[in-house]
């Protein structure tokens, strides 16, 4: 049975309105040395790796489709905002990060490294 993931939570904004999103509802930020793409879709906030795992396209320059997939601007590969699965069939996986909207702000979770091998 896999161990439950533990996260270090980083406050990234005071509110959703302060996220400074672009016209596509996306923004790129840096948290704990990682480049993160933030996406607001259907009033939910999602976090994922800033670059597409296929060819490195900046996902903040892409868009979110009606099904809730982030679409890479380079080759239109699609990834689920919920779990990072490649939904257009190419077999890639996009790293996702949990985001929490709390009374005192917006927080992004970075998985804590545990054990000798980091897992």
N, C-alpha and C. Protein backbone atom coordinates (compact mmCIF):
# COMPACT_ATOMS: atom_id res chain seq x y z
N UNK A 1 0.85 -1.17 0.00
CA UNK A 1 0.00 0.00 0.00
C UNK A 1 0.89 1.24 0.00
N UNK A 2 0.74 2.11 -0.99
CA UNK A 2 1.60 3.30 -1.05
C UNK A 2 1.29 4.25 0.10
N UNK A 3 2.35 4.92 0.55
CA UNK A 3 2.20 5.89 1.63
C UNK A 3 1.44 7.12 1.14
N UNK A 4 0.70 7.74 2.05
CA UNK A 4 -0.02 8.97 1.70
C UNK A 4 0.98 10.08 1.43
N UNK A 5 0.72 10.84 0.37
CA UNK A 5 1.62 11.93 0.02
C UNK A 5 1.49 13.06 1.03
N UNK A 6 2.63 13.66 1.35
CA UNK A 6 2.65 14.81 2.24
C UNK A 6 3.16 16.00 1.44
N UNK A 7 2.57 17.16 1.71
CA UNK A 7 2.90 18.36 0.95
C UNK A 7 3.38 19.48 1.86
N UNK A 8 4.29 20.27 1.32
CA UNK A 8 4.65 21.54 1.93
C UNK A 8 3.84 22.58 1.17
N UNK A 9 3.00 23.34 1.90
CA UNK A 9 2.09 24.28 1.27
C UNK A 9 2.70 25.67 1.20
N UNK A 10 2.70 26.26 0.01
CA UNK A 10 3.27 27.58 -0.24
C UNK A 10 2.14 28.55 -0.59
N UNK A 11 2.08 29.66 0.13
CA UNK A 11 1.08 30.67 -0.18
C UNK A 11 1.53 31.39 -1.45
N UNK A 12 0.66 31.40 -2.47
CA UNK A 12 1.03 32.00 -3.75
C UNK A 12 0.27 33.28 -4.05
N UNK A 13 -0.82 33.54 -3.33
CA UNK A 13 -1.60 34.76 -3.54
C UNK A 13 -2.55 34.96 -2.37
N UNK A 14 -2.95 36.21 -2.19
CA UNK A 14 -3.93 36.53 -1.15
C UNK A 14 -5.33 36.08 -1.56
N UNK A 15 -5.61 36.11 -2.86
CA UNK A 15 -6.92 35.72 -3.37
C UNK A 15 -6.80 35.33 -4.84
N UNK A 16 -7.86 34.74 -5.38
CA UNK A 16 -7.87 34.35 -6.79
C UNK A 16 -7.69 35.58 -7.69
N UNK A 17 -8.27 36.71 -7.28
CA UNK A 17 -8.17 37.95 -8.07
C UNK A 17 -6.73 38.46 -8.18
N UNK A 18 -5.86 38.05 -7.26
CA UNK A 18 -4.48 38.54 -7.26
C UNK A 18 -3.52 37.60 -7.99
N UNK A 19 -4.01 36.58 -8.67
CA UNK A 19 -3.14 35.63 -9.36
C UNK A 19 -2.51 36.19 -10.62
N UNK A 20 -2.99 37.31 -11.13
CA UNK A 20 -2.46 37.94 -12.33
C UNK A 20 -2.46 36.98 -13.52
N UNK A 21 -3.65 36.48 -13.82
CA UNK A 21 -3.82 35.53 -14.92
C UNK A 21 -3.82 36.25 -16.25
N UNK A 22 -3.33 35.56 -17.28
CA UNK A 22 -3.38 36.10 -18.64
C UNK A 22 -4.77 35.94 -19.22
N UNK A 23 -4.92 36.29 -20.47
CA UNK A 23 -6.23 36.25 -21.12
C UNK A 23 -6.80 34.84 -21.20
N UNK A 24 -5.97 33.82 -21.22
CA UNK A 24 -6.44 32.44 -21.28
C UNK A 24 -6.70 31.83 -19.92
N UNK A 25 -6.66 32.64 -18.86
CA UNK A 25 -6.87 32.12 -17.52
C UNK A 25 -5.68 31.36 -16.99
N UNK A 26 -4.46 31.68 -17.50
CA UNK A 26 -3.25 30.99 -17.07
C UNK A 26 -2.21 31.98 -16.58
N UNK A 27 -1.29 31.48 -15.78
CA UNK A 27 -0.14 32.27 -15.32
C UNK A 27 1.01 31.32 -15.05
N UNK A 28 2.21 31.83 -15.14
CA UNK A 28 3.39 31.03 -14.80
C UNK A 28 4.05 31.68 -13.60
N UNK A 29 4.31 30.87 -12.57
CA UNK A 29 4.95 31.36 -11.35
C UNK A 29 6.09 30.42 -10.98
N UNK A 30 6.91 30.85 -10.04
CA UNK A 30 7.96 29.99 -9.52
C UNK A 30 7.70 29.75 -8.04
N UNK A 31 7.69 28.48 -7.65
CA UNK A 31 7.45 28.08 -6.27
C UNK A 31 8.50 27.04 -5.90
N UNK A 32 9.25 27.32 -4.84
CA UNK A 32 10.25 26.37 -4.34
C UNK A 32 11.20 25.92 -5.45
N UNK A 33 11.59 26.85 -6.32
CA UNK A 33 12.53 26.56 -7.39
C UNK A 33 11.92 25.85 -8.60
N UNK A 34 10.60 25.66 -8.60
CA UNK A 34 9.93 24.98 -9.70
C UNK A 34 9.08 25.98 -10.48
N UNK A 35 9.10 25.89 -11.80
CA UNK A 35 8.22 26.71 -12.64
C UNK A 35 6.88 26.00 -12.74
N UNK A 36 5.83 26.70 -12.34
CA UNK A 36 4.49 26.15 -12.25
C UNK A 36 3.55 26.95 -13.14
N UNK A 37 2.67 26.25 -13.85
CA UNK A 37 1.61 26.89 -14.61
C UNK A 37 0.34 26.81 -13.76
N UNK A 38 -0.29 27.95 -13.54
CA UNK A 38 -1.58 28.00 -12.86
C UNK A 38 -2.67 28.19 -13.89
N UNK A 39 -3.77 27.49 -13.71
CA UNK A 39 -4.89 27.56 -14.64
C UNK A 39 -6.17 27.71 -13.83
N UNK A 40 -7.02 28.63 -14.22
CA UNK A 40 -8.35 28.71 -13.63
C UNK A 40 -9.34 28.23 -14.68
N UNK A 41 -10.08 27.18 -14.31
CA UNK A 41 -11.08 26.59 -15.22
C UNK A 41 -12.33 26.28 -14.41
N UNK A 42 -13.47 26.76 -14.86
CA UNK A 42 -14.74 26.58 -14.15
C UNK A 42 -14.63 26.99 -12.68
N UNK A 43 -13.91 28.08 -12.45
CA UNK A 43 -13.74 28.68 -11.13
C UNK A 43 -12.86 27.87 -10.18
N UNK A 44 -12.23 26.80 -10.66
CA UNK A 44 -11.28 26.03 -9.86
C UNK A 44 -9.87 26.42 -10.30
N UNK A 45 -8.92 26.34 -9.38
CA UNK A 45 -7.53 26.65 -9.67
C UNK A 45 -6.74 25.35 -9.73
N UNK A 46 -5.96 25.19 -10.79
CA UNK A 46 -5.14 24.00 -10.97
C UNK A 46 -3.68 24.41 -11.12
N UNK A 47 -2.78 23.51 -10.75
CA UNK A 47 -1.36 23.75 -10.93
C UNK A 47 -0.72 22.57 -11.65
N UNK A 48 0.21 22.87 -12.56
CA UNK A 48 0.93 21.82 -13.27
C UNK A 48 2.32 22.34 -13.64
N UNK A 49 3.16 21.43 -14.13
CA UNK A 49 4.47 21.84 -14.61
C UNK A 49 4.29 22.90 -15.69
N UNK A 50 5.22 23.84 -15.75
CA UNK A 50 5.10 24.96 -16.69
C UNK A 50 5.35 24.57 -18.13
N UNK A 51 6.08 23.47 -18.36
CA UNK A 51 6.43 23.07 -19.72
C UNK A 51 5.80 21.74 -20.08
N UNK A 52 5.39 21.63 -21.32
CA UNK A 52 4.84 20.39 -21.85
C UNK A 52 5.93 19.31 -21.83
N UNK A 53 5.62 18.09 -21.38
CA UNK A 53 6.64 17.03 -21.35
C UNK A 53 7.04 16.53 -22.74
N UNK A 54 6.32 16.89 -23.77
CA UNK A 54 6.65 16.45 -25.12
C UNK A 54 7.78 17.28 -25.72
N UNK A 55 7.56 18.58 -25.89
CA UNK A 55 8.57 19.41 -26.57
C UNK A 55 8.88 20.70 -25.82
N UNK A 56 8.44 20.80 -24.57
CA UNK A 56 8.80 21.95 -23.75
C UNK A 56 8.02 23.22 -24.00
N UNK A 57 6.88 23.14 -24.66
CA UNK A 57 6.06 24.34 -24.88
C UNK A 57 5.58 24.93 -23.56
N UNK A 58 5.55 26.26 -23.49
CA UNK A 58 5.07 26.94 -22.28
C UNK A 58 3.56 26.80 -22.19
N UNK A 59 3.08 26.04 -21.21
CA UNK A 59 1.66 25.77 -21.09
C UNK A 59 0.86 27.02 -20.75
N UNK A 60 1.48 28.01 -20.14
CA UNK A 60 0.78 29.27 -19.85
C UNK A 60 0.41 30.00 -21.15
N UNK A 61 1.07 29.63 -22.26
CA UNK A 61 0.73 30.21 -23.56
C UNK A 61 -0.33 29.39 -24.29
N UNK A 62 -0.74 28.27 -23.69
CA UNK A 62 -1.76 27.42 -24.28
C UNK A 62 -3.14 27.86 -23.82
N UNK A 63 -4.07 26.93 -23.84
CA UNK A 63 -5.43 27.23 -23.42
C UNK A 63 -6.04 25.99 -22.81
N UNK A 64 -7.19 26.18 -22.15
CA UNK A 64 -7.93 25.07 -21.56
C UNK A 64 -9.14 24.79 -22.43
N UNK A 65 -9.32 23.52 -22.81
CA UNK A 65 -10.48 23.17 -23.64
C UNK A 65 -11.72 22.97 -22.76
N UNK A 66 -12.86 22.73 -23.38
CA UNK A 66 -14.13 22.61 -22.66
C UNK A 66 -14.17 21.40 -21.73
N UNK A 67 -13.33 20.41 -21.98
CA UNK A 67 -13.31 19.20 -21.14
C UNK A 67 -12.37 19.32 -19.95
N UNK A 68 -11.69 20.45 -19.82
CA UNK A 68 -10.78 20.65 -18.69
C UNK A 68 -9.39 20.12 -18.92
N UNK A 69 -8.93 20.18 -20.15
CA UNK A 69 -7.56 19.79 -20.49
C UNK A 69 -6.77 21.04 -20.82
N UNK A 70 -5.52 21.09 -20.35
CA UNK A 70 -4.61 22.15 -20.79
C UNK A 70 -4.05 21.70 -22.13
N UNK A 71 -4.04 22.60 -23.10
CA UNK A 71 -3.61 22.28 -24.46
C UNK A 71 -2.31 23.02 -24.74
N UNK A 72 -1.27 22.27 -25.08
CA UNK A 72 0.04 22.85 -25.36
C UNK A 72 -0.04 23.70 -26.64
N UNK A 73 0.59 24.89 -26.63
CA UNK A 73 0.53 25.75 -27.81
C UNK A 73 1.38 25.25 -28.99
N UNK A 74 2.32 24.35 -28.76
CA UNK A 74 3.19 23.91 -29.85
C UNK A 74 2.55 22.86 -30.75
N UNK A 75 2.13 21.73 -30.16
CA UNK A 75 1.63 20.62 -30.97
C UNK A 75 0.21 20.20 -30.57
N UNK A 76 -0.43 20.97 -29.72
CA UNK A 76 -1.82 20.74 -29.30
C UNK A 76 -2.01 19.45 -28.49
N UNK A 77 -0.94 18.97 -27.85
CA UNK A 77 -1.11 17.83 -26.95
C UNK A 77 -1.96 18.30 -25.78
N UNK A 78 -2.84 17.42 -25.28
CA UNK A 78 -3.78 17.76 -24.22
C UNK A 78 -3.49 16.94 -22.97
N UNK A 79 -3.63 17.61 -21.81
CA UNK A 79 -3.39 16.96 -20.52
C UNK A 79 -4.51 17.31 -19.55
N UNK A 80 -4.99 16.30 -18.83
CA UNK A 80 -6.02 16.52 -17.83
C UNK A 80 -5.50 17.40 -16.71
N UNK A 81 -6.28 18.41 -16.34
CA UNK A 81 -5.90 19.27 -15.22
C UNK A 81 -6.04 18.52 -13.89
N UNK A 82 -6.84 17.48 -13.86
CA UNK A 82 -7.09 16.73 -12.63
C UNK A 82 -5.95 15.78 -12.27
N UNK A 83 -5.36 15.12 -13.26
CA UNK A 83 -4.37 14.10 -12.95
C UNK A 83 -3.14 14.10 -13.86
N UNK A 84 -3.07 14.98 -14.84
CA UNK A 84 -1.90 15.08 -15.71
C UNK A 84 -1.84 14.07 -16.84
N UNK A 85 -2.85 13.20 -16.94
CA UNK A 85 -2.82 12.20 -18.01
C UNK A 85 -2.96 12.86 -19.37
N UNK A 86 -2.21 12.33 -20.31
CA UNK A 86 -2.25 12.82 -21.69
C UNK A 86 -3.54 12.32 -22.33
N UNK A 87 -4.47 13.23 -22.58
CA UNK A 87 -5.79 12.84 -23.07
C UNK A 87 -5.90 12.85 -24.59
N UNK A 88 -4.83 13.24 -25.28
CA UNK A 88 -4.87 13.21 -26.74
C UNK A 88 -4.16 11.97 -27.30
N UNK A 89 -3.70 11.07 -26.41
CA UNK A 89 -3.25 9.75 -26.84
C UNK A 89 -1.78 9.54 -27.11
N UNK A 90 -0.92 10.52 -26.84
CA UNK A 90 0.50 10.35 -27.17
C UNK A 90 1.31 9.63 -26.09
N UNK A 91 0.73 9.46 -24.89
CA UNK A 91 1.40 8.69 -23.84
C UNK A 91 2.26 9.47 -22.87
N UNK A 92 2.24 10.78 -22.92
CA UNK A 92 3.03 11.59 -22.00
C UNK A 92 2.25 11.82 -20.71
N UNK A 93 2.94 12.28 -19.68
CA UNK A 93 2.31 12.57 -18.40
C UNK A 93 2.79 13.94 -17.92
N UNK A 94 1.88 14.77 -17.48
CA UNK A 94 2.19 16.11 -16.99
C UNK A 94 2.11 16.13 -15.48
N UNK A 95 3.16 16.61 -14.83
CA UNK A 95 3.18 16.73 -13.37
C UNK A 95 2.14 17.75 -12.93
N UNK A 96 1.28 17.38 -11.98
CA UNK A 96 0.28 18.30 -11.45
C UNK A 96 0.57 18.57 -9.97
N UNK A 97 0.07 19.70 -9.50
CA UNK A 97 0.25 20.12 -8.11
C UNK A 97 -1.09 20.49 -7.51
N UNK A 98 -1.35 20.08 -6.26
CA UNK A 98 -2.62 20.46 -5.64
C UNK A 98 -2.63 21.94 -5.28
N UNK A 99 -3.81 22.55 -5.42
CA UNK A 99 -3.99 23.95 -5.06
C UNK A 99 -5.19 24.02 -4.11
N UNK A 100 -5.03 24.78 -3.04
CA UNK A 100 -6.12 24.98 -2.08
C UNK A 100 -6.44 26.46 -1.97
N UNK A 101 -7.74 26.74 -1.99
CA UNK A 101 -8.22 28.09 -1.76
C UNK A 101 -8.70 28.14 -0.32
N UNK A 102 -7.96 28.87 0.53
CA UNK A 102 -8.28 28.96 1.96
C UNK A 102 -8.74 30.37 2.29
N UNK A 103 -9.24 30.54 3.50
CA UNK A 103 -9.71 31.87 3.93
C UNK A 103 -8.62 32.92 3.85
N UNK A 104 -7.37 32.52 4.13
CA UNK A 104 -6.27 33.49 4.16
C UNK A 104 -5.44 33.53 2.88
N UNK A 105 -5.88 32.84 1.82
CA UNK A 105 -5.15 32.92 0.56
C UNK A 105 -5.19 31.64 -0.26
N UNK A 106 -4.41 31.65 -1.33
CA UNK A 106 -4.29 30.53 -2.25
C UNK A 106 -2.95 29.83 -1.98
N UNK A 107 -2.99 28.50 -1.85
CA UNK A 107 -1.80 27.72 -1.53
C UNK A 107 -1.58 26.64 -2.57
N UNK A 108 -0.29 26.39 -2.89
CA UNK A 108 0.10 25.33 -3.80
C UNK A 108 0.96 24.34 -3.03
N UNK A 109 0.67 23.05 -3.20
CA UNK A 109 1.40 22.00 -2.49
C UNK A 109 2.53 21.43 -3.33
N UNK A 110 3.71 21.37 -2.71
CA UNK A 110 4.86 20.70 -3.32
C UNK A 110 5.11 19.45 -2.47
N UNK A 111 5.15 18.31 -3.13
CA UNK A 111 5.30 17.05 -2.41
C UNK A 111 6.62 17.03 -1.63
N UNK A 112 6.51 16.62 -0.35
CA UNK A 112 7.70 16.55 0.49
C UNK A 112 8.48 15.29 0.13
N UNK A 113 9.79 15.42 0.14
CA UNK A 113 10.65 14.27 -0.11
C UNK A 113 10.80 13.52 1.20
N UNK A 114 10.54 12.21 1.17
CA UNK A 114 10.69 11.39 2.37
C UNK A 114 11.55 10.19 2.03
N UNK A 115 12.22 9.69 3.02
CA UNK A 115 13.04 8.50 2.84
C UNK A 115 14.34 8.77 2.11
N UNK A 116 15.18 7.76 2.02
CA UNK A 116 16.51 7.86 1.45
C UNK A 116 16.47 8.20 -0.04
N UNK A 117 15.54 7.63 -0.77
CA UNK A 117 15.47 7.84 -2.21
C UNK A 117 14.43 8.87 -2.62
N UNK A 118 13.92 9.64 -1.65
CA UNK A 118 12.98 10.71 -1.96
C UNK A 118 11.57 10.22 -2.23
N UNK A 119 11.22 9.01 -1.87
CA UNK A 119 9.88 8.52 -2.14
C UNK A 119 9.28 7.74 -1.02
